[in-house]
Amino acid sequence: MRRLSLVLLCASLSSACDDSEGAPVVPPPPFTQSYPDAGPTPDGGGGPATWACQRQAVVKGAPMSLLADLQLAMGRATTSNERTQAIDRFVEQVEAQGGTPLVSDASAGRQRVAFFARGESARDTFVAGEFNEWSPTATPLGQVRDTDLYLAEVEVPRTGPQPYKLVKGGSFFEDPRARNVVWDRLNRNDVGQFNSLVYPDAQDPAKGRLTAWYDVRATALNDARDVFVYTPASYDGPECPSLPVMYVHDGNESITRESFVDAADAHYKARPQDSAVLVFIALPSQDVRLGQYTFPPALAPGWPTPRGDDYLAFIVNDLMPRVESGLRVKTGPQETGISGASLGGLISVYAGFRAPEKFGFVGTQSGTLFWPHDGEVDRNDGNAMVVRASADPVVPVRFYVDHGSPSAGCTRDGEQGADDCQSNLQFVSALRNKGYGVVHVNEVSGAHDWAFWKKRQPGLLCAFRNSDAKECGL
């Protein structure tokens, strides 16, 4: 195992020191998780400064100067405990100042980038990316002295956003300390993966960007999941806009099966006035999907205990406060939507009826609206959301409902090509009979599949911001 001695660590940090040579150093603007995206200006002003909304100012990794600070602290440390404390502070500062990787200032003569991992599991870890032609073994993370820190410093040209992954045992995976990510464009027909980014500020300014929040805790569910926040191009504009926000279920597959991000980019380019922040909520495991996207009673004996109420509690009590404090988003039900496909559509409709004070818009694509209200699917005594739409008092929520149907006309749910059209049509009819605002799309020959949901996604995004279906060409 290659071990970086303190001397080698000092040598590897020399480029960070080089960055400070020449012109006097101007302290960078402050960076915290909530500032500048959401917090006030440093002087206590009422809104963010113009620079605070610019991608090149705030979308970046932590500075290489932190590595120089670590080198100094390690040089002063005389015990293993002091070295561990120095590394603890380093890791905390990296998190507070943009996450990994650490990057040189754009004006530096050499564009050096530092990658690291920590813990015994980081041993025998490598970094691979376009800068080394995705070699799984060319760039190892070397152990720093007798610590649990493993680090590599390489020169990466600033020619655009540079994707990378960490590698261990031949398996590629995301850098868990990196915030800026893109889908790796490999459709695995299952949960997908992301590339972390060096120089994320160099992404196409005409498109949105993704920020990864890994292992977000869900109090009521006692689990953790990844959340991917999409901010459209206009979010980084000089106007520093606050935008509406939509919460999207199946947050991994919505991006990595048939990219809803691509659909959003295309729609918001055509209609920037519809721009919204999209919060893609992944599952901790596909094994819990049925339980977390449904509500009592259970469909059949032996099926997972419905945890939909706890899942919504996570969104409302854990996630929404973080989104609203850490991003420039508008608040209130008329500015907040929730959407999903299949079971994700079902739990979205349930959320609209259960928490209309939080969600003023519901989008459901091929929603599993045949879910029964009494635990038995007999299709004769009403489906839960159809019953609720018909019998409950009207709540201030607008609905977008889409689905497919056979070319010969809608058949019973569960039959080939039906795409749950029967229960969806019943739901739309019940909503309209009660006077709800509904945008309805029935795609003839549309299948129960991500490709069709992506194709119809622009209509959903437009309906979120426009109550008149004609405005969206629907």
Foldseek 3Di string as FASTA:
>chain_A
DFAQELVNLVVLLVLLVQLCPDDHDDDAAFFFLQPPFHDDHPVRDDHHALLRLALQRQAAFAASVLSVVLSVQVVPDDDPVSNVVSVVVSQVNRLGRAWDWHWYDPPRPFTKIKDKDFDPVLPQKAKAWVQNPRDRPPGHFHHYHPHRMTMTMDTDDVPAKIWMFMDHPRDTAHDLRAFWWAFPQDAPVDQGGITGIHPPSRPDLLFWTKTKDFFQAQVLVRGTFIKIKTFGSCCSHSVVAAAFEEEEEQLRCCPRNAHLRVLLSVLCSVPVVLGHMYIRTHDPDPVCLVQCLDAPDAQDPPDDHRNVVSNVCRCVPRNVVSPNSRHRHDAWQLRYAYEYEASSLSSRLVCCVVCVRGHQEYEYELYVQQDQPHNYRPVPPDGDLLCCLQPPQDGNHAYEYEFEAELVDADPPPDPRNSNVVSSVSNVVSNVVNPHQYHYYYHHSDDRDSVSCSVCSSQRSVCSVDSDSVVVVD
